[in-house]
Amino acid sequence: MKKSNLIILFLIALITGSCNNNLNEVVVYTTVDQIFSEPILKDFEKESGIVVKAVYDTEETKSTGVLNRLIAEKDNPQCDLFWSGDPVRTIVLKNKGITSPYQSAAANDIDVVFKDPDNHWTGFSARARVLIYNKNLLEKDHIPQSVFDLTKEEYKGKVAIANPLFGTTTFHIAALFTAVGNEKAKQFLTDLKSNQVVIASSNGDVKKRVVQGEVSCGLTDTDDAYEAIKNEANIGIVFLDQKGMGSLIMPNTINLIKNSPHSENGKKLMDYLLSKETEAKLAKSCAQMPLHKGVAIPDNIPSLDNIVPMKIDYDKTSQKLEEIQKYLKEWSEN
């Protein structure tokens, strides 16, 4: 065989191999902390043989970085699957025509309240918004029981929240606006600012400030709270408003990206993430609460059956999130 023919055959094999490698991968963007999401994705990679290419958000720009990237890539999608730490930004993508419907059999027994009626997203492993407090600084009889207690004089300068422009704090504030109305929610934020609330850079920063005693208490997520307890911090956890509107429950959500390059692998990863096995791993690693029934979890993980949830419409909350962005920016900067 001529040398030129050998070269051609070599190039064809090289190109074919390259294409096969490209077909055997999946690209996922996620807002979930890398320390918790990466091990799950690595397990999928080992079990499936599919190469996972992941893009993670930073702690400070939580949930907005990859969201904006997905919006910018709408006409030329690079991502196959979006794994979000809350439903709201997933719904933003759906409303912008960026997602693709898929009904995974792995989620058949998950409650419909945690699913999009058009199958554009599905929820799994949930966190909750909670108050953490430093036990050395707050006595039992002086622990806030409602989010609205944080505006009281006795907590002046002693409360921290993460920047409401980012992450689950945005979701929490949008849910408050949806639950109690614009007027009451704006008055709450005004009173919070007047009470010298400390605006931290992230939920993790809230946790750190409470643990170190810079503030007495702060709003964060259950995964951050239980991480502090696992590290033997002297803090307590309160599910707020259990005699009122309830605590905000935030499921993880996943959805396929429309016209993505590896949609079939995206479906395989989605099925994997929605499994009971994945929920059991997330319960153990970051105290997330399974949405499947009968998942084996550590004794210290709370059950959703024992928590009064805030009754919210995720679609309306998503719309509210976009509506109040300008207001939240002004509030956080002034």
Protein backbone atom coordinates (compact mmCIF):
# COMPACT_ATOMS: atom_id res chain seq x y z
CA MET A 1 0.00 0.00 0.00
CA LYS A 2 1.25 3.44 -0.88
CA LYS A 3 2.48 5.69 1.86
CA SER A 4 -0.09 8.34 0.88
CA ASN A 5 -2.91 5.81 1.33
CA LEU A 6 -1.60 4.83 4.75
CA ILE A 7 -1.57 8.47 5.77
CA ILE A 8 -5.17 8.88 4.59
CA LEU A 9 -6.28 5.78 6.52
CA PHE A 10 -4.49 7.05 9.62
CA LEU A 11 -6.21 10.42 9.37
CA ILE A 12 -9.61 8.79 8.90
CA ALA A 13 -9.03 6.61 11.97
CA LEU A 14 -7.91 9.62 13.95
CA ILE A 15 -10.97 11.65 12.98
CA THR A 16 -13.31 8.71 13.61
CA GLY A 17 -11.78 8.10 17.02
CA SER A 18 -12.09 11.77 17.85
CA CYS A 19 -15.75 11.77 16.85
CA ASN A 20 -16.44 8.67 18.92
CA ASN A 21 -14.81 10.28 21.93
CA ASN A 22 -16.95 13.36 21.45
CA LEU A 23 -20.06 11.22 21.25
CA ASN A 24 -19.12 9.44 24.47
CA GLU A 25 -19.29 12.51 26.70
CA VAL A 26 -21.81 14.72 28.42
CA VAL A 27 -21.47 18.37 29.39
CA VAL A 28 -23.16 19.52 32.59
CA TYR A 29 -23.36 23.02 34.07
CA THR A 30 -24.18 23.11 37.78
CA THR A 31 -24.76 25.61 40.55
CA VAL A 32 -24.39 22.94 43.25
CA ASP A 33 -21.21 23.23 45.32
CA GLN A 34 -18.41 21.38 43.56
CA ILE A 35 -17.42 19.57 46.74
CA PHE A 36 -20.82 17.82 46.68
CA SER A 37 -21.67 17.60 42.97
CA GLU A 38 -18.29 16.47 41.62
CA PRO A 39 -18.19 13.10 43.46
CA ILE A 40 -21.66 12.26 42.09
CA LEU A 41 -20.58 13.11 38.55
CA LYS A 42 -17.36 11.11 38.95
CA ASP A 43 -19.40 8.08 40.08
CA PHE A 44 -21.60 8.38 36.98
CA GLU A 45 -18.51 8.60 34.81
CA LYS A 46 -17.07 5.40 36.34
CA GLU A 47 -20.33 3.46 36.15
CA SER A 48 -21.39 4.55 32.66
CA GLY A 49 -18.08 4.98 30.86
CA ILE A 50 -19.35 8.37 29.64
CA VAL A 51 -16.87 11.22 30.07
CA VAL A 52 -18.36 14.05 32.14
CA LYS A 53 -17.29 17.61 31.43
CA ALA A 54 -18.57 19.86 34.20
CA VAL A 55 -18.73 23.62 34.60
CA TYR A 56 -19.23 24.80 38.21
CA ASP A 57 -20.42 28.14 39.54
CA THR A 58 -18.32 30.08 42.04
CA GLU A 59 -19.59 30.58 45.59
CA GLU A 60 -19.88 34.35 45.21
CA THR A 61 -21.82 34.34 41.91
CA LYS A 62 -23.81 31.27 42.83
CA SER A 63 -26.51 30.38 40.29
CA THR A 64 -26.02 33.44 38.10
CA GLY A 65 -22.75 32.64 36.33
CA VAL A 66 -23.79 29.45 34.54
CA LEU A 67 -27.33 30.77 34.10
CA ASN A 68 -26.05 33.74 32.12
CA ARG A 69 -23.73 31.46 30.18
CA LEU A 70 -26.63 29.20 29.19
CA ILE A 71 -28.65 32.20 28.05
CA ALA A 72 -25.69 33.51 26.02
CA GLU A 73 -25.26 30.08 24.39
CA LYS A 74 -28.93 29.72 23.45
CA ASP A 75 -28.30 29.74 19.68
CA ASN A 76 -25.20 27.56 19.96
CA PRO A 77 -25.69 25.26 22.98
CA GLN A 78 -22.55 23.75 24.49
CA CYS A 79 -24.22 22.18 27.53
CA ASP A 80 -26.37 19.03 27.66
CA LEU A 81 -27.71 19.15 31.20
CA PHE A 82 -28.25 21.90 33.77
CA TRP A 83 -28.15 20.81 37.43
CA SER A 84 -29.47 23.64 39.57
CA GLY A 85 -29.60 23.99 43.34
CA ASP A 86 -33.12 25.43 43.09
CA PRO A 87 -36.05 25.44 40.61
CA VAL A 88 -36.29 29.15 39.91
CA ARG A 89 -33.41 29.56 37.46
CA THR A 90 -34.41 26.37 35.68
CA ILE A 91 -37.81 27.94 35.07
CA VAL A 92 -36.13 31.10 33.76
CA LEU A 93 -34.41 28.92 31.15
CA LYS A 94 -37.68 27.19 30.27
CA ASN A 95 -39.42 30.52 29.77
CA LYS A 96 -36.61 31.62 27.45
CA GLY A 97 -37.01 28.50 25.29
CA ILE A 98 -33.64 27.01 26.28
CA THR A 99 -34.79 23.70 27.81
CA SER A 100 -36.07 20.47 26.31
CA PRO A 101 -38.78 18.23 27.88
CA TYR A 102 -37.91 14.78 29.22
CA GLN A 103 -39.89 12.53 31.54
CA SER A 104 -37.52 10.25 33.42
CA ALA A 105 -38.87 6.94 34.69
CA ALA A 106 -36.42 7.28 37.59
CA ALA A 107 -38.64 10.04 39.03
CA ASN A 108 -42.01 8.29 38.78
CA ASP A 109 -42.60 8.31 42.55
CA ILE A 110 -41.44 11.88 43.17
CA ASP A 111 -44.35 14.18 44.06
CA VAL A 112 -45.72 16.20 41.14
CA VAL A 113 -45.24 19.43 43.10
CA PHE A 114 -41.52 18.97 42.43
CA LYS A 115 -41.95 18.52 38.68
CA ASP A 116 -42.68 20.80 35.77
CA PRO A 117 -46.12 19.91 34.32
CA ASP A 118 -44.56 20.06 30.84
CA ASN A 119 -41.60 17.86 31.90
CA HIS A 120 -39.01 20.59 31.32
CA TRP A 121 -37.51 20.04 34.78
CA THR A 122 -37.63 17.52 37.61
CA GLY A 123 -36.74 18.02 41.26
CA PHE A 124 -34.86 15.73 43.59
CA SER A 125 -32.85 15.96 46.88
CA ALA A 126 -34.07 19.08 48.69
CA ARG A 127 -32.54 21.62 51.01
CA ALA A 128 -34.37 24.09 53.22
CA ARG A 129 -33.69 27.67 54.21
CA VAL A 130 -32.96 27.75 57.93
CA LEU A 131 -31.69 30.02 60.66
CA ILE A 132 -28.42 29.04 62.30
CA TYR A 133 -27.44 30.59 65.61
CA ASN A 134 -24.39 30.64 67.84
CA LYS A 135 -25.30 28.86 71.07
CA ASN A 136 -22.77 30.94 73.00
CA LEU A 137 -24.50 34.17 71.95
CA LEU A 138 -28.22 33.36 71.99
CA GLU A 139 -30.09 31.79 74.87
CA LYS A 140 -32.89 29.34 74.16
CA ASP A 141 -35.68 31.81 75.00
CA HIS A 142 -34.23 34.44 72.64
CA ILE A 143 -33.90 32.40 69.44
CA PRO A 144 -35.92 33.82 66.50
CA GLN A 145 -38.77 31.58 65.36
CA SER A 146 -39.89 33.60 62.34
CA VAL A 147 -37.98 35.31 59.57
CA PHE A 148 -39.81 38.49 60.57
CA ASP A 149 -38.32 38.28 64.08
CA LEU A 150 -34.97 39.26 62.57
CA THR A 151 -36.10 42.89 62.36
CA LYS A 152 -36.55 43.15 66.14
CA GLU A 153 -34.36 45.58 68.09
CA GLU A 154 -32.74 42.79 70.15
CA TYR A 155 -31.11 41.44 66.98
CA LYS A 156 -29.80 44.76 65.71
CA GLY A 157 -26.43 44.23 64.01
CA LYS A 158 -26.50 40.55 65.00
CA VAL A 159 -28.02 38.97 61.87
CA ALA A 160 -26.33 38.00 58.60
CA ILE A 161 -27.78 37.09 55.21
CA ALA A 162 -26.02 36.37 51.93
CA ASN A 163 -26.15 38.92 49.12
CA PRO A 164 -29.73 38.62 47.78
CA LEU A 165 -28.57 39.07 44.19
CA PHE A 166 -27.11 35.57 44.17
CA GLY A 167 -27.88 31.96 44.96
CA THR A 168 -30.64 30.61 47.18
CA THR A 169 -30.98 33.94 49.00
CA THR A 170 -32.48 35.38 45.80
CA PHE A 171 -34.87 32.44 45.68
CA HIS A 172 -35.78 32.95 49.34
CA ILE A 173 -36.51 36.65 48.90
CA ALA A 174 -38.51 36.02 45.71
CA ALA A 175 -40.52 33.37 47.57
CA LEU A 176 -41.25 35.87 50.36
CA PHE A 177 -42.50 38.40 47.82
CA THR A 178 -44.73 35.71 46.32
CA ALA A 179 -46.00 34.46 49.68
CA VAL A 180 -46.74 37.74 51.51
CA GLY A 181 -46.96 40.31 48.70
CA ASN A 182 -44.70 43.12 47.52
CA GLU A 183 -45.63 45.64 50.21
CA LYS A 184 -44.97 43.39 53.21
CA ALA A 185 -41.81 41.91 51.68
CA LYS A 186 -40.34 45.34 50.88
CA GLN A 187 -41.17 46.53 54.40
CA PHE A 188 -39.38 43.48 55.81
CA LEU A 189 -36.24 44.25 53.79
CA THR A 190 -36.39 47.93 54.76
CA ASP A 191 -36.68 47.00 58.42
CA LEU A 192 -33.88 44.46 58.05
CA LYS A 193 -31.58 47.12 56.61
CA SER A 194 -32.57 49.56 59.39
CA ASN A 195 -31.70 46.83 61.88
CA GLN A 196 -28.14 46.84 60.49
CA VAL A 197 -28.27 43.40 58.89
CA VAL A 198 -24.83 42.14 57.81
CA ILE A 199 -24.74 41.29 54.09
CA ALA A 200 -22.31 38.41 53.63
CA SER A 201 -20.79 37.33 50.33
CA SER A 202 -22.39 33.88 50.35
CA ASN A 203 -24.25 31.32 52.46
CA GLY A 204 -20.88 29.86 53.40
CA ASP A 205 -19.79 33.28 54.59
CA VAL A 206 -22.95 33.54 56.72
CA LYS A 207 -22.09 30.20 58.29
CA LYS A 208 -18.52 31.32 59.00
CA ARG A 209 -19.61 34.59 60.63
CA VAL A 210 -22.09 32.80 62.91
CA VAL A 211 -19.60 30.07 63.85
CA GLN A 212 -16.91 32.65 64.64
CA GLY A 213 -19.31 34.78 66.68
CA GLU A 214 -19.19 37.87 64.45
CA VAL A 215 -23.00 37.73 64.45
CA SER A 216 -25.45 35.81 66.61
CA CYS A 217 -27.47 34.23 63.81
CA GLY A 218 -27.99 34.13 60.07
CA LEU A 219 -30.03 32.70 57.21
CA THR A 220 -28.46 29.90 55.22
CA ASP A 221 -29.23 26.48 53.71
CA THR A 222 -29.40 23.14 55.50
CA ASP A 223 -26.30 21.80 53.75
CA ASP A 224 -24.17 24.67 55.10
CA ALA A 225 -25.77 24.33 58.52
CA TYR A 226 -25.12 20.61 58.85
CA GLU A 227 -21.60 21.03 57.50
CA ALA A 228 -20.91 23.35 60.43
CA ILE A 229 -22.34 20.84 62.89
CA LYS A 230 -20.29 18.04 61.32
CA ASN A 231 -17.24 20.21 61.99
CA GLU A 232 -18.32 20.42 65.65
CA ALA A 233 -19.31 24.09 65.58
CA ASN A 234 -21.42 25.14 68.56
CA ILE A 235 -24.47 26.18 66.53
CA GLY A 236 -28.17 25.38 66.49
CA ILE A 237 -30.62 25.16 63.61
CA VAL A 238 -34.17 26.52 63.42
CA PHE A 239 -36.77 25.80 60.74
CA LEU A 240 -38.52 29.16 60.79
CA ASP A 241 -42.23 30.00 60.69
CA GLN A 242 -43.40 26.50 61.57
CA LYS A 243 -46.53 28.04 63.10
CA GLY A 244 -47.04 30.35 60.14
CA MET A 245 -46.11 30.34 56.48
CA GLY A 246 -43.53 27.56 56.84
CA SER A 247 -39.91 27.12 55.74
CA LEU A 248 -38.78 27.37 52.15
CA ILE A 249 -38.01 23.95 50.66
CA MET A 250 -35.60 24.01 47.71
CA PRO A 251 -35.26 20.88 45.59
CA ASN A 252 -32.36 20.43 43.23
CA THR A 253 -33.61 20.46 39.66
CA ILE A 254 -32.27 19.09 36.41
CA ASN A 255 -33.22 19.72 32.83
CA LEU A 256 -32.00 19.00 29.34
CA ILE A 257 -30.79 21.83 27.13
CA LYS A 258 -32.56 22.21 23.79
CA ASN A 259 -30.53 21.11 20.75
CA SER A 260 -27.62 20.05 22.94
CA PRO A 261 -24.72 18.13 21.35
CA HIS A 262 -25.09 14.94 23.47
CA SER A 263 -28.77 14.81 24.38
CA GLU A 264 -28.96 11.01 24.79
CA ASN A 265 -26.07 11.05 27.27
CA GLY A 266 -27.78 13.98 28.95
CA LYS A 267 -30.84 11.76 29.51
CA LYS A 268 -28.66 9.00 30.97
CA LEU A 269 -27.07 11.44 33.41
CA MET A 270 -30.50 12.84 34.30
CA ASP A 271 -31.79 9.33 35.07
CA TYR A 272 -28.73 8.74 37.25
CA LEU A 273 -29.13 11.97 39.22
CA LEU A 274 -32.81 11.25 39.84
CA SER A 275 -32.13 7.82 41.33
CA LYS A 276 -32.61 6.84 44.95
CA GLU A 277 -28.91 5.99 45.08
CA THR A 278 -27.94 9.57 44.24
CA GLU A 279 -30.36 10.95 46.83
CA ALA A 280 -28.83 8.64 49.46
CA LYS A 281 -25.34 9.92 48.58
CA LEU A 282 -26.43 13.58 48.82
CA ALA A 283 -28.17 12.94 52.15
CA LYS A 284 -24.92 11.55 53.51
CA SER A 285 -22.54 14.13 52.01
CA CYS A 286 -24.50 17.35 52.45
CA ALA A 287 -27.63 16.63 54.50
CA GLN A 288 -30.05 16.92 51.61
CA MET A 289 -33.54 15.52 52.10
CA PRO A 290 -34.66 12.83 49.61
CA LEU A 291 -37.88 13.28 47.62
CA HIS A 292 -38.14 9.55 46.92
CA LYS A 293 -39.79 7.45 49.61
CA GLY A 294 -37.75 4.81 51.40
CA VAL A 295 -34.27 6.24 50.86
CA ALA A 296 -31.78 5.23 53.57
CA ILE A 297 -30.48 8.40 55.24
CA PRO A 298 -28.37 9.27 58.31
CA ASP A 299 -30.26 9.68 61.60
CA ASN A 300 -29.52 13.41 61.87
CA ILE A 301 -31.12 14.31 58.52
CA PRO A 302 -34.61 15.81 58.96
CA SER A 303 -37.59 14.37 57.11
CA LEU A 304 -39.78 16.54 54.93
CA ASP A 305 -42.70 14.83 56.64
CA ASN A 306 -41.82 16.74 59.84
CA ILE A 307 -41.38 20.22 58.31
CA VAL A 308 -44.15 22.72 57.53
CA PRO A 309 -43.23 23.92 54.02
CA MET A 310 -43.83 27.35 52.59
CA LYS A 311 -46.60 27.02 50.02
CA ILE A 312 -45.28 28.64 46.87
CA ASP A 313 -45.78 28.45 43.14
CA TYR A 314 -42.33 27.89 41.60
CA ASP A 315 -43.36 29.44 38.28
CA LYS A 316 -44.69 32.60 39.94
CA THR A 317 -41.60 32.78 42.14
CA SER A 318 -39.40 32.57 39.06
CA GLN A 319 -41.27 35.46 37.46
CA LYS A 320 -41.02 37.42 40.70
CA LEU A 321 -37.27 36.81 40.84
CA GLU A 322 -36.78 38.60 37.52
CA GLU A 323 -39.25 41.32 38.47
CA ILE A 324 -37.45 42.32 41.70
CA GLN A 325 -33.84 42.19 40.46
CA LYS A 326 -33.53 45.96 40.11
CA TYR A 327 -35.05 46.51 43.55
CA LEU A 328 -32.73 43.96 45.18
CA LYS A 329 -29.69 45.54 43.52
CA GLU A 330 -30.64 48.95 44.90
CA TRP A 331 -31.38 47.47 48.34
CA SER A 332 -28.07 45.62 48.59
CA GLU A 333 -25.96 48.56 47.37
CA ASN A 334 -27.55 51.36 49.42
